[in-house]
Amino acid sequence: SDASARGLAKGPDRPLNRDRDRAFVLGGLAC
């Protein structure tokens, strides 16, 4: 989730895309 991702020390402005948007893009993959 966004909160979980912020805790991973990837940078103060990460994630760049919100969790629902990232889920939507992943969901577009047939695999």
PDB file of all heavy atoms in Angstrom:
ATOM      1  N   SER A   1       0.855  -1.179   0.000  1.00  0.00           N
ATOM      2  CA  SER A   1       0.000   0.000   0.000  1.00  0.00           C
ATOM      3  C   SER A   1       0.895   1.234   0.000  1.00  0.00           C
ATOM      4  O   SER A   1       2.115   1.139   0.203  1.00  0.00           O
ATOM      5  CB  SER A   1      -0.894   0.011   1.248  1.00  0.00           C
ATOM      6  OG  SER A   1      -0.092   0.221   2.410  1.00  0.00           O
ATOM      7  N   ASP A   2       0.304   2.388  -0.193  1.00  0.00           N
ATOM      8  CA  ASP A   2       1.096   3.618  -0.178  1.00  0.00           C
ATOM      9  C   ASP A   2       1.830   3.780   1.147  1.00  0.00           C
ATOM     10  O   ASP A   2       3.019   4.104   1.180  1.00  0.00           O
ATOM     11  CB  ASP A   2       0.199   4.835  -0.437  1.00  0.00           C
ATOM     12  CG  ASP A   2      -0.319   4.876  -1.863  1.00  0.00           C
ATOM     13  OD1 ASP A   2       0.243   4.192  -2.742  1.00  0.00           O
ATOM     14  OD2 ASP A   2      -1.311   5.598  -2.099  1.00  0.00           O
ATOM     15  N   ALA A   3       1.129   3.545   2.254  1.00  0.00           N
ATOM     16  CA  ALA A   3       1.753   3.683   3.576  1.00  0.00           C
ATOM     17  C   ALA A   3       2.899   2.699   3.738  1.00  0.00           C
ATOM     18  O   ALA A   3       3.973   3.052   4.235  1.00  0.00           O
ATOM     19  CB  ALA A   3       0.713   3.478   4.667  1.00  0.00           C
ATOM     20  N   SER A   4       2.702   1.470   3.323  1.00  0.00           N
ATOM     21  CA  SER A   4       3.743   0.453   3.415  1.00  0.00           C
ATOM     22  C   SER A   4       4.939   0.831   2.544  1.00  0.00           C
ATOM     23  O   SER A   4       6.089   0.712   2.971  1.00  0.00           O
ATOM     24  CB  SER A   4       3.177  -0.899   2.979  1.00  0.00           C
ATOM     25  OG  SER A   4       4.179  -1.877   2.916  1.00  0.00           O
ATOM     26  N   ALA A   5       4.676   1.294   1.339  1.00  0.00           N
ATOM     27  CA  ALA A   5       5.754   1.659   0.411  1.00  0.00           C
ATOM     28  C   ALA A   5       6.584   2.825   0.956  1.00  0.00           C
ATOM     29  O   ALA A   5       7.806   2.840   0.803  1.00  0.00           O
ATOM     30  CB  ALA A   5       5.180   2.015  -0.950  1.00  0.00           C
ATOM     31  N   ARG A   6       5.930   3.782   1.597  1.00  0.00           N
ATOM     32  CA  ARG A   6       6.664   4.924   2.156  1.00  0.00           C
ATOM     33  C   ARG A   6       7.645   4.482   3.233  1.00  0.00           C
ATOM     34  O   ARG A   6       8.663   5.124   3.460  1.00  0.00           O
ATOM     35  CB  ARG A   6       5.701   5.969   2.699  1.00  0.00           C
ATOM     36  CG  ARG A   6       5.088   6.832   1.607  1.00  0.00           C
ATOM     37  CD  ARG A   6       4.347   8.034   2.174  1.00  0.00           C
ATOM     38  NE  ARG A   6       3.124   7.650   2.848  1.00  0.00           N
ATOM     39  CZ  ARG A   6       1.940   7.465   2.250  1.00  0.00           C
ATOM     40  NH1 ARG A   6       1.839   7.644   0.944  1.00  0.00           N
ATOM     41  NH2 ARG A   6       0.887   7.115   2.938  1.00  0.00           N
ATOM     42  N   GLY A   7       7.374   3.380   3.889  1.00  0.00           N
ATOM     43  CA  GLY A   7       8.260   2.879   4.927  1.00  0.00           C
ATOM     44  C   GLY A   7       9.457   2.113   4.414  1.00  0.00           C
ATOM     45  O   GLY A   7      10.277   1.650   5.205  1.00  0.00           O
ATOM     46  N   LEU A   8       9.602   1.977   3.111  1.00  0.00           N
ATOM     47  CA  LEU A   8      10.686   1.171   2.536  1.00  0.00           C
ATOM     48  C   LEU A   8      11.931   1.977   2.165  1.00  0.00           C
ATOM     49  O   LEU A   8      12.819   1.452   1.515  1.00  0.00           O
ATOM     50  CB  LEU A   8      10.177   0.413   1.302  1.00  0.00           C
ATOM     51  CG  LEU A   8       9.082  -0.607   1.575  1.00  0.00           C
ATOM     52  CD1 LEU A   8       8.616  -1.247   0.268  1.00  0.00           C
ATOM     53  CD2 LEU A   8       9.557  -1.673   2.551  1.00  0.00           C
ATOM     54  N   ALA A   9      11.989   3.232   2.533  1.00  0.00           N
ATOM     55  CA  ALA A   9      13.167   4.073   2.302  1.00  0.00           C
ATOM     56  C   ALA A   9      13.543   4.184   0.831  1.00  0.00           C
ATOM     57  O   ALA A   9      14.707   4.172   0.477  1.00  0.00           O
ATOM     58  CB  ALA A   9      14.350   3.578   3.132  1.00  0.00           C
ATOM     59  N   LYS A  10      12.554   4.291  -0.035  1.00  0.00           N
ATOM     60  CA  LYS A  10      12.822   4.477  -1.459  1.00  0.00           C
ATOM     61  C   LYS A  10      12.936   5.955  -1.815  1.00  0.00           C
ATOM     62  O   LYS A  10      13.270   6.298  -2.926  1.00  0.00           O
ATOM     63  CB  LYS A  10      11.732   3.813  -2.299  1.00  0.00           C
ATOM     64  CG  LYS A  10      11.783   2.296  -2.232  1.00  0.00           C
ATOM     65  CD  LYS A  10      10.724   1.678  -3.099  1.00  0.00           C
ATOM     66  CE  LYS A  10      10.825   0.190  -3.126  1.00  0.00           C
ATOM     67  NZ  LYS A  10      11.829  -0.326  -4.039  1.00  0.00           N
ATOM     68  N   GLY A  11      12.627   6.806  -0.855  1.00  0.00           N
ATOM     69  CA  GLY A  11      12.688   8.242  -1.074  1.00  0.00           C
ATOM     70  C   GLY A  11      11.427   8.901  -0.562  1.00  0.00           C
ATOM     71  O   GLY A  11      10.377   8.260  -0.490  1.00  0.00           O
ATOM     72  N   PRO A  12      11.519  10.188  -0.213  1.00  0.00           N
ATOM     73  CA  PRO A  12      10.385  10.881   0.400  1.00  0.00           C
ATOM     74  C   PRO A  12       9.184  11.070  -0.526  1.00  0.00           C
ATOM     75  O   PRO A  12       8.072  11.248  -0.055  1.00  0.00           O
ATOM     76  CB  PRO A  12      10.974  12.233   0.808  1.00  0.00           C
ATOM     77  CG  PRO A  12      12.149  12.421  -0.094  1.00  0.00           C
ATOM     78  CD  PRO A  12      12.677  11.055  -0.365  1.00  0.00           C
ATOM     79  N   ASP A  13       9.420  11.022  -1.817  1.00  0.00           N
ATOM     80  CA  ASP A  13       8.325  11.253  -2.762  1.00  0.00           C
ATOM     81  C   ASP A  13       7.830   9.961  -3.410  1.00  0.00           C
ATOM     82  O   ASP A  13       7.092   9.991  -4.397  1.00  0.00           O
ATOM     83  CB  ASP A  13       8.760  12.231  -3.844  1.00  0.00           C
ATOM     84  CG  ASP A  13      10.001  11.776  -4.600  1.00  0.00           C
ATOM     85  OD1 ASP A  13      10.660  10.815  -4.144  1.00  0.00           O
ATOM     86  OD2 ASP A  13      10.319  12.380  -5.621  1.00  0.00           O
ATOM     87  N   ARG A  14       8.204   8.828  -2.852  1.00  0.00           N
ATOM     88  CA  ARG A  14       7.777   7.550  -3.406  1.00  0.00           C
ATOM     89  C   ARG A  14       6.720   6.942  -2.509  1.00  0.00           C
ATOM     90  O   ARG A  14       6.764   7.131  -1.305  1.00  0.00           O
ATOM     91  CB  ARG A  14       8.963   6.588  -3.525  1.00  0.00           C
ATOM     92  CG  ARG A  14      10.092   7.097  -4.409  1.00  0.00           C
ATOM     93  CD  ARG A  14       9.898   6.860  -5.873  1.00  0.00           C
ATOM     94  NE  ARG A  14       9.742   5.480  -6.255  1.00  0.00           N
ATOM     95  CZ  ARG A  14      10.735   4.625  -6.445  1.00  0.00           C
ATOM     96  NH1 ARG A  14      11.980   4.989  -6.296  1.00  0.00           N
ATOM     97  NH2 ARG A  14      10.484   3.378  -6.807  1.00  0.00           N
ATOM     98  N   PRO A  15       5.780   6.229  -3.011  1.00  0.00           N
ATOM     99  CA  PRO A  15       5.640   5.887  -4.421  1.00  0.00           C
ATOM    100  C   PRO A  15       5.117   7.071  -5.241  1.00  0.00           C
ATOM    101  O   PRO A  15       4.422   7.944  -4.721  1.00  0.00           O
ATOM    102  CB  PRO A  15       4.628   4.745  -4.406  1.00  0.00           C
ATOM    103  CG  PRO A  15       3.787   5.010  -3.214  1.00  0.00           C
ATOM    104  CD  PRO A  15       4.711   5.625  -2.201  1.00  0.00           C
ATOM    105  N   LEU A  16       5.459   7.066  -6.497  1.00  0.00           N
ATOM    106  CA  LEU A  16       5.010   8.118  -7.396  1.00  0.00           C
ATOM    107  C   LEU A  16       3.544   7.927  -7.778  1.00  0.00           C
ATOM    108  O   LEU A  16       2.817   8.892  -7.967  1.00  0.00           O
ATOM    109  CB  LEU A  16       5.868   8.139  -8.660  1.00  0.00           C
ATOM    110  CG  LEU A  16       7.351   8.421  -8.434  1.00  0.00           C
ATOM    111  CD1 LEU A  16       8.142   8.162  -9.698  1.00  0.00           C
ATOM    112  CD2 LEU A  16       7.562   9.834  -7.942  1.00  0.00           C
ATOM    113  N   ASN A  17       3.138   6.676  -7.907  1.00  0.00           N
ATOM    114  CA  ASN A  17       1.756   6.342  -8.258  1.00  0.00           C
ATOM    115  C   ASN A  17       1.047   5.765  -7.040  1.00  0.00           C
ATOM    116  O   ASN A  17       1.636   5.004  -6.275  1.00  0.00           O
ATOM    117  CB  ASN A  17       1.733   5.321  -9.405  1.00  0.00           C
ATOM    118  CG  ASN A  17       2.163   5.937 -10.705  1.00  0.00           C
ATOM    119  OD1 ASN A  17       1.517   6.842 -11.209  1.00  0.00           O
ATOM    120  ND2 ASN A  17       3.263   5.451 -11.259  1.00  0.00           N
ATOM    121  N   ARG A  18      -0.214   6.112  -6.884  1.00  0.00           N
ATOM    122  CA  ARG A  18      -1.000   5.618  -5.746  1.00  0.00           C
ATOM    123  C   ARG A  18      -1.244   4.118  -5.871  1.00  0.00           C
ATOM    124  O   ARG A  18      -1.234   3.564  -6.976  1.00  0.00           O
ATOM    125  CB  ARG A  18      -2.331   6.363  -5.670  1.00  0.00           C
ATOM    126  CG  ARG A  18      -2.137   7.849  -5.344  1.00  0.00           C
ATOM    127  CD  ARG A  18      -3.450   8.537  -5.283  1.00  0.00           C
ATOM    128  NE  ARG A  18      -4.226   8.167  -6.479  1.00  0.00           N
ATOM    129  CZ  ARG A  18      -5.190   8.887  -6.998  1.00  0.00           C
ATOM    130  NH1 ARG A  18      -5.544  10.008  -6.445  1.00  0.00           N
ATOM    131  NH2 ARG A  18      -5.839   8.495  -8.075  1.00  0.00           N
ATOM    132  N   ASP A  19      -1.494   3.485  -4.730  1.00  0.00           N
ATOM    133  CA  ASP A  19      -1.645   2.033  -4.718  1.00  0.00           C
ATOM    134  C   ASP A  19      -2.760   1.532  -5.632  1.00  0.00           C
ATOM    135  O   ASP A  19      -2.586   0.535  -6.338  1.00  0.00           O
ATOM    136  CB  ASP A  19      -1.798   1.469  -3.303  1.00  0.00           C
ATOM    137  CG  ASP A  19      -2.826   2.146  -2.436  1.00  0.00           C
ATOM    138  OD1 ASP A  19      -3.790   2.762  -2.942  1.00  0.00           O
ATOM    139  OD2 ASP A  19      -2.675   2.048  -1.199  1.00  0.00           O
ATOM    140  N   ARG A  20      -3.882   2.198  -5.681  1.00  0.00           N
ATOM    141  CA  ARG A  20      -4.982   1.745  -6.552  1.00  0.00           C
ATOM    142  C   ARG A  20      -4.595   1.854  -8.024  1.00  0.00           C
ATOM    143  O   ARG A  20      -4.984   1.016  -8.832  1.00  0.00           O
ATOM    144  CB  ARG A  20      -6.260   2.550  -6.296  1.00  0.00           C
ATOM    145  CG  ARG A  20      -6.768   2.459  -4.882  1.00  0.00           C
ATOM    146  CD  ARG A  20      -7.403   1.134  -4.624  1.00  0.00           C
ATOM    147  NE  ARG A  20      -7.708   0.993  -3.212  1.00  0.00           N
ATOM    148  CZ  ARG A  20      -8.519   0.113  -2.719  1.00  0.00           C
ATOM    149  NH1 ARG A  20      -9.120  -0.744  -3.504  1.00  0.00           N
ATOM    150  NH2 ARG A  20      -8.728   0.025  -1.435  1.00  0.00           N
ATOM    151  N   ASP A  21      -3.820   2.862  -8.364  1.00  0.00           N
ATOM    152  CA  ASP A  21      -3.355   3.017  -9.745  1.00  0.00           C
ATOM    153  C   ASP A  21      -2.327   1.938 -10.092  1.00  0.00           C
ATOM    154  O   ASP A  21      -2.355   1.356 -11.183  1.00  0.00           O
ATOM    155  CB  ASP A  21      -2.755   4.406  -9.964  1.00  0.00           C
ATOM    156  CG  ASP A  21      -3.776   5.510  -9.789  1.00  0.00           C
ATOM    157  OD1 ASP A  21      -4.964   5.274 -10.076  1.00  0.00           O
ATOM    158  OD2 ASP A  21      -3.390   6.609  -9.340  1.00  0.00           O
ATOM    159  N   ARG A  22      -1.421   1.634  -9.151  1.00  0.00           N
ATOM    160  CA  ARG A  22      -0.432   0.579  -9.379  1.00  0.00           C
ATOM    161  C   ARG A  22      -1.127  -0.777  -9.517  1.00  0.00           C
ATOM    162  O   ARG A  22      -0.758  -1.590 -10.365  1.00  0.00           O
ATOM    163  CB  ARG A  22       0.596   0.557  -8.245  1.00  0.00           C
ATOM    164  CG  ARG A  22       1.481   1.812  -8.246  1.00  0.00           C
ATOM    165  CD  ARG A  22       2.535   1.807  -7.156  1.00  0.00           C
ATOM    166  NE  ARG A  22       1.964   2.156  -5.864  1.00  0.00           N
ATOM    167  CZ  ARG A  22       2.006   1.405  -4.775  1.00  0.00           C
ATOM    168  NH1 ARG A  22       2.623   0.230  -4.792  1.00  0.00           N
ATOM    169  NH2 ARG A  22       1.471   1.807  -3.638  1.00  0.00           N
ATOM    170  N   ALA A  23      -2.161  -0.996  -8.693  1.00  0.00           N
ATOM    171  CA  ALA A  23      -2.921  -2.250  -8.774  1.00  0.00           C
ATOM    172  C   ALA A  23      -3.629  -2.369 -10.116  1.00  0.00           C
ATOM    173  O   ALA A  23      -3.677  -3.452 -10.712  1.00  0.00           O
ATOM    174  CB  ALA A  23      -3.931  -2.322  -7.627  1.00  0.00           C
ATOM    175  N   PHE A  24      -4.171  -1.274 -10.609  1.00  0.00           N
ATOM    176  CA  PHE A  24      -4.874  -1.271 -11.892  1.00  0.00           C
ATOM    177  C   PHE A  24      -3.922  -1.649 -13.026  1.00  0.00           C
ATOM    178  O   PHE A  24      -4.256  -2.467 -13.885  1.00  0.00           O
ATOM    179  CB  PHE A  24      -5.490   0.114 -12.132  1.00  0.00           C
ATOM    180  CG  PHE A  24      -6.382   0.187 -13.327  1.00  0.00           C
ATOM    181  CD1 PHE A  24      -7.737  -0.098 -13.219  1.00  0.00           C
ATOM    182  CD2 PHE A  24      -5.885   0.558 -14.565  1.00  0.00           C
ATOM    183  CE1 PHE A  24      -8.574  -0.029 -14.325  1.00  0.00           C
ATOM    184  CE2 PHE A  24      -6.713   0.636 -15.681  1.00  0.00           C
ATOM    185  CZ  PHE A  24      -8.064   0.341 -15.558  1.00  0.00           C
ATOM    186  N   VAL A  25      -2.727  -1.070 -13.021  1.00  0.00           N
ATOM    187  CA  VAL A  25      -1.742  -1.360 -14.069  1.00  0.00           C
ATOM    188  C   VAL A  25      -1.316  -2.831 -13.997  1.00  0.00           C
ATOM    189  O   VAL A  25      -1.270  -3.521 -15.023  1.00  0.00           O
ATOM    190  CB  VAL A  25      -0.521  -0.416 -13.958  1.00  0.00           C
ATOM    191  CG1 VAL A  25       0.599  -0.848 -14.888  1.00  0.00           C
ATOM    192  CG2 VAL A  25      -0.941   1.021 -14.270  1.00  0.00           C
ATOM    193  N   LEU A  26      -1.035  -3.329 -12.803  1.00  0.00           N
ATOM    194  CA  LEU A  26      -0.682  -4.744 -12.661  1.00  0.00           C
ATOM    195  C   LEU A  26      -1.825  -5.640 -13.130  1.00  0.00           C
ATOM    196  O   LEU A  26      -1.600  -6.664 -13.775  1.00  0.00           O
ATOM    197  CB  LEU A  26      -0.336  -5.072 -11.208  1.00  0.00           C
ATOM    198  CG  LEU A  26       1.025  -4.597 -10.716  1.00  0.00           C
ATOM    199  CD1 LEU A  26       1.097  -4.697  -9.196  1.00  0.00           C
ATOM    200  CD2 LEU A  26       2.143  -5.390 -11.368  1.00  0.00           C
ATOM    201  N   GLY A  27      -3.044  -5.252 -12.805  1.00  0.00           N
ATOM    202  CA  GLY A  27      -4.219  -6.025 -13.203  1.00  0.00           C
ATOM    203  C   GLY A  27      -4.410  -6.087 -14.702  1.00  0.00           C
ATOM    204  O   GLY A  27      -5.108  -6.966 -15.208  1.00  0.00           O
ATOM    205  N   GLY A  28      -3.799  -5.189 -15.427  1.00  0.00           N
ATOM    206  CA  GLY A  28      -3.881  -5.197 -16.884  1.00  0.00           C
ATOM    207  C   GLY A  28      -2.993  -6.231 -17.540  1.00  0.00           C
ATOM    208  O   GLY A  28      -3.107  -6.480 -18.738  1.00  0.00           O
ATOM    209  N   LEU A  29      -2.128  -6.855 -16.763  1.00  0.00           N
ATOM    210  CA  LEU A  29      -1.231  -7.874 -17.306  1.00  0.00           C
ATOM    211  C   LEU A  29      -1.910  -9.240 -17.284  1.00  0.00           C
ATOM    212  O   LEU A  29      -2.443  -9.661 -16.251  1.00  0.00           O
ATOM    213  CB  LEU A  29       0.062  -7.944 -16.489  1.00  0.00           C
ATOM    214  CG  LEU A  29       0.924  -6.684 -16.457  1.00  0.00           C
ATOM    215  CD1 LEU A  29       2.114  -6.884 -15.518  1.00  0.00           C
ATOM    216  CD2 LEU A  29       1.411  -6.329 -17.858  1.00  0.00           C
ATOM    217  N   ALA A  30      -1.860  -9.947 -18.386  1.00  0.00           N
ATOM    218  CA  ALA A  30      -2.479 -11.272 -18.475  1.00  0.00           C
ATOM    219  C   ALA A  30      -1.837 -12.259 -17.513  1.00  0.00           C
ATOM    220  O   ALA A  30      -2.509 -13.173 -17.018  1.00  0.00           O
ATOM    221  CB  ALA A  30      -2.384 -11.798 -19.906  1.00  0.00           C
ATOM    222  N   CYS A  31      -0.564 -12.093 -17.206  1.00  0.00           N
ATOM    223  CA  CYS A  31       0.131 -13.039 -16.326  1.00  0.00           C
ATOM    224  C   CYS A  31      -0.234 -12.868 -14.856  1.00  0.00           C
ATOM    225  O   CYS A  31       0.029 -13.748 -14.045  1.00  0.00           O
ATOM    226  CB  CYS A  31       1.644 -12.932 -16.512  1.00  0.00           C
ATOM    227  SG  CYS A  31       2.331 -11.320 -16.115  1.00  0.00           S
TER     228      CYS A  31
END
